[in-house]
Protein backbone atom coordinates (compact mmCIF):
# COMPACT_ATOMS: atom_id res chain seq x y z
CA UNK A 1 22.26 -9.74 -12.92
CA UNK A 2 18.95 -8.41 -11.22
CA UNK A 3 18.28 -6.01 -14.01
CA UNK A 4 18.41 -8.82 -16.18
CA UNK A 5 16.21 -11.02 -14.30
CA UNK A 6 13.43 -8.08 -14.00
CA UNK A 7 13.67 -7.79 -18.04
CA UNK A 8 13.25 -11.78 -18.21
CA UNK A 9 9.83 -11.42 -16.16
CA UNK A 10 8.49 -8.53 -18.27
CA UNK A 11 9.05 -10.56 -21.29
CA UNK A 12 6.69 -13.39 -19.73
CA UNK A 13 3.80 -10.87 -18.98
CA UNK A 14 4.64 -8.68 -21.93
CA UNK A 15 1.46 -7.03 -23.71
CA UNK A 16 1.35 -4.51 -26.37
CA UNK A 17 -0.42 -1.49 -24.76
CA UNK A 18 -0.57 2.28 -25.37
CA UNK A 19 0.03 2.71 -21.58
CA UNK A 20 3.49 1.31 -19.79
CA UNK A 21 3.85 0.18 -16.33
CA UNK A 22 7.36 -0.36 -15.80
CA UNK A 23 7.44 2.10 -12.73
CA UNK A 24 4.45 0.33 -10.99
CA UNK A 25 6.29 -3.35 -12.26
CA UNK A 26 9.41 -2.38 -10.91
CA UNK A 27 7.84 -1.30 -7.70
CA UNK A 28 6.38 -4.49 -7.22
CA UNK A 29 9.87 -6.32 -8.04
CA UNK A 30 11.30 -4.51 -5.09
CA UNK A 31 8.88 -5.14 -2.68
CA UNK A 32 9.18 -8.46 -0.84
CA UNK A 33 6.37 -11.11 -0.70
CA UNK A 34 5.72 -11.30 2.76
CA UNK A 35 2.85 -13.93 3.57
CA UNK A 36 0.79 -14.44 6.63
CA UNK A 37 -1.09 -17.27 5.51
CA UNK A 38 0.73 -20.33 6.24
CA UNK A 39 -0.11 -22.06 2.99
CA UNK A 40 0.93 -18.98 0.75
CA UNK A 41 4.38 -19.97 1.36
CA UNK A 42 3.71 -22.07 -1.63
CA UNK A 43 3.37 -18.92 -3.66
CA UNK A 44 6.63 -17.74 -2.12
CA UNK A 45 8.26 -21.43 -3.08
CA UNK A 46 6.75 -20.78 -6.67
CA UNK A 47 8.61 -17.34 -6.94
CA UNK A 48 11.90 -19.32 -6.17
CA UNK A 49 11.03 -22.09 -8.89
CA UNK A 50 10.66 -19.40 -11.06
CA UNK A 51 14.09 -18.05 -10.76
CA UNK A 52 15.48 -21.31 -10.94
CA UNK A 53 13.64 -21.91 -14.04
CA UNK A 54 15.20 -18.91 -15.68
CA UNK A 55 18.23 -19.58 -14.43
CA UNK A 56 18.75 -16.75 -11.55
CA UNK A 57 20.38 -17.34 -8.19
CA UNK A 58 19.20 -14.31 -6.33
CA UNK A 59 20.18 -13.95 -2.42
CA UNK A 60 17.08 -12.04 -1.36
CA UNK A 61 13.37 -12.45 -0.92
CA UNK A 62 10.71 -13.40 -3.53
CA UNK A 63 9.27 -9.96 -4.70
CA UNK A 64 5.44 -9.81 -5.32
CA UNK A 65 6.12 -9.34 -8.77
CA UNK A 66 7.90 -12.86 -9.03
CA UNK A 67 4.98 -14.38 -6.92
CA UNK A 68 2.22 -13.07 -9.33
CA UNK A 69 4.14 -14.11 -12.49
CA UNK A 70 4.94 -17.30 -11.01
CA UNK A 71 1.22 -17.82 -10.11
CA UNK A 72 0.19 -16.69 -13.71
CA UNK A 73 2.49 -19.43 -15.25
CA UNK A 74 0.90 -21.89 -12.70
CA UNK A 75 -2.38 -21.04 -13.70
CA UNK A 76 -1.82 -21.18 -17.49
CA UNK A 77 0.46 -24.65 -17.37
CA UNK A 78 -1.41 -26.23 -14.39
CA UNK A 79 -4.91 -25.53 -14.90
CA UNK A 80 -6.01 -23.20 -18.00
CA UNK A 81 -3.87 -24.46 -20.62
CA UNK A 82 -5.65 -24.64 -23.86
CA UNK A 83 -3.78 -24.82 -27.33
CA UNK A 84 -6.98 -23.12 -29.03
CA UNK A 85 -6.26 -20.09 -27.06
CA UNK A 86 -2.13 -20.15 -26.85
CA UNK A 87 -0.33 -19.06 -24.01
CA UNK A 88 -2.35 -16.72 -21.51
CA UNK A 89 -0.03 -16.31 -18.98
CA UNK A 90 0.18 -12.38 -19.35
CA UNK A 91 -3.51 -12.44 -19.50
CA UNK A 92 -3.70 -13.98 -15.98
CA UNK A 93 -1.18 -11.66 -14.64
CA UNK A 94 -2.51 -8.37 -15.76
CA UNK A 95 -6.27 -9.69 -14.46
CA UNK A 96 -4.51 -9.67 -11.11
CA UNK A 97 -2.68 -6.61 -11.67
CA UNK A 98 -6.04 -4.77 -12.52
CA UNK A 99 -7.94 -6.56 -9.55
CA UNK A 100 -5.28 -5.06 -7.19
CA UNK A 101 -6.04 -1.32 -8.76
CA UNK A 102 -3.03 -0.99 -10.05
CA UNK A 103 -3.95 -0.38 -13.58
CA UNK A 104 -4.76 3.36 -12.64
CA UNK A 105 -0.83 4.06 -12.38
CA UNK A 106 0.87 3.72 -15.49
CA UNK A 107 4.14 5.47 -16.00
CA UNK A 108 2.33 8.97 -16.83
CA UNK A 109 0.33 8.51 -13.38
CA UNK A 110 2.50 7.03 -11.07
CA UNK A 111 2.42 7.52 -7.78
CA UNK A 112 4.79 5.54 -5.31
CA UNK A 113 2.65 6.21 -2.05
CA UNK A 114 -0.38 5.13 -3.57
CA UNK A 115 1.22 2.08 -5.10
CA UNK A 116 2.85 1.19 -1.97
CA UNK A 117 -0.58 1.70 -0.18
CA UNK A 118 -2.17 -1.15 -2.66
CA UNK A 119 0.64 -3.61 -2.12
CA UNK A 120 0.35 -3.19 1.52
CA UNK A 121 -3.35 -3.68 1.70
CA UNK A 122 -2.76 -6.78 -0.66
CA UNK A 123 -0.28 -8.12 1.72
CA UNK A 124 -1.95 -7.51 4.88
CA UNK A 125 -5.46 -8.64 3.52
CA UNK A 126 -7.18 -5.74 3.67
CA UNK A 127 -8.94 -5.57 0.50
CA UNK A 128 -12.78 -5.83 0.20
CA UNK A 129 -14.96 -9.04 0.74
CA UNK A 130 -15.40 -9.75 -2.85
CA UNK A 131 -11.42 -9.52 -3.35
CA UNK A 132 -11.54 -6.36 -5.18
CA UNK A 133 -7.77 -4.79 -4.04
CA UNK A 134 -6.50 -8.49 -3.97
CA UNK A 135 -5.19 -10.50 -6.61
CA UNK A 136 -8.77 -11.87 -7.35
CA UNK A 137 -12.23 -10.27 -7.81
CA UNK A 138 -15.33 -11.78 -7.87
CA UNK A 139 -18.81 -11.27 -9.17
CA UNK A 140 -20.37 -13.79 -7.12
CA UNK A 141 -20.11 -14.18 -3.47
CA UNK A 142 -17.27 -16.62 -2.74
CA UNK A 143 -17.37 -19.75 -0.66
CA UNK A 144 -15.55 -17.68 2.21
CA UNK A 145 -14.04 -14.45 2.82
CA UNK A 146 -11.06 -14.66 0.44
CA UNK A 147 -9.21 -12.22 3.08
CA UNK A 148 -9.20 -15.25 5.13
CA UNK A 149 -7.79 -18.03 2.80
CA UNK A 150 -4.70 -18.61 0.81
CA UNK A 151 -4.04 -17.15 -2.60
CA UNK A 152 -4.45 -20.60 -4.32
CA UNK A 153 -7.70 -21.36 -3.27
CA UNK A 154 -9.12 -17.84 -4.35
CA UNK A 155 -7.49 -18.39 -7.69
CA UNK A 156 -9.54 -21.53 -8.00
CA UNK A 157 -12.75 -19.83 -7.12
CA UNK A 158 -11.90 -17.09 -9.56
CA UNK A 159 -11.28 -19.79 -12.19
CA UNK A 160 -14.45 -21.28 -11.42
CA UNK A 161 -16.57 -18.15 -11.63
CA UNK A 162 -15.39 -16.81 -14.98
CA UNK A 163 -13.96 -19.96 -17.01
């Protein structure tokens, strides 16, 4: 059942690309989303809601991958939906993936230690003050240091800056 769920998540973020990232995506799926900001509990709950939406009842913590896919869905459905562009859920996911710096670790260049370090730095808010290394990288200085605010606020600032 867990493998089927992983495949369902991959369908949501599917994109046509020469490079594949199944190893890195699997690592994100195997890593629990442990939040330190109280309001990021909502991102955890989004992950649980995603399970229910897809019809899966797993007795384990929400993963970083689930949280990211759920956030990409929330971005698309609650904020950025526009029939002119179609469903851009996968676009939002891959923007976060790239901001983390995981785009360097396709299946041909996978390094588990490096990927784990990136994920740990994200979870511990040890990324740059412009958000690079976190889910959202900013060109302009954000309202506050993104390392000190919840993911939802970071996402809203990012959407405001780029869209």
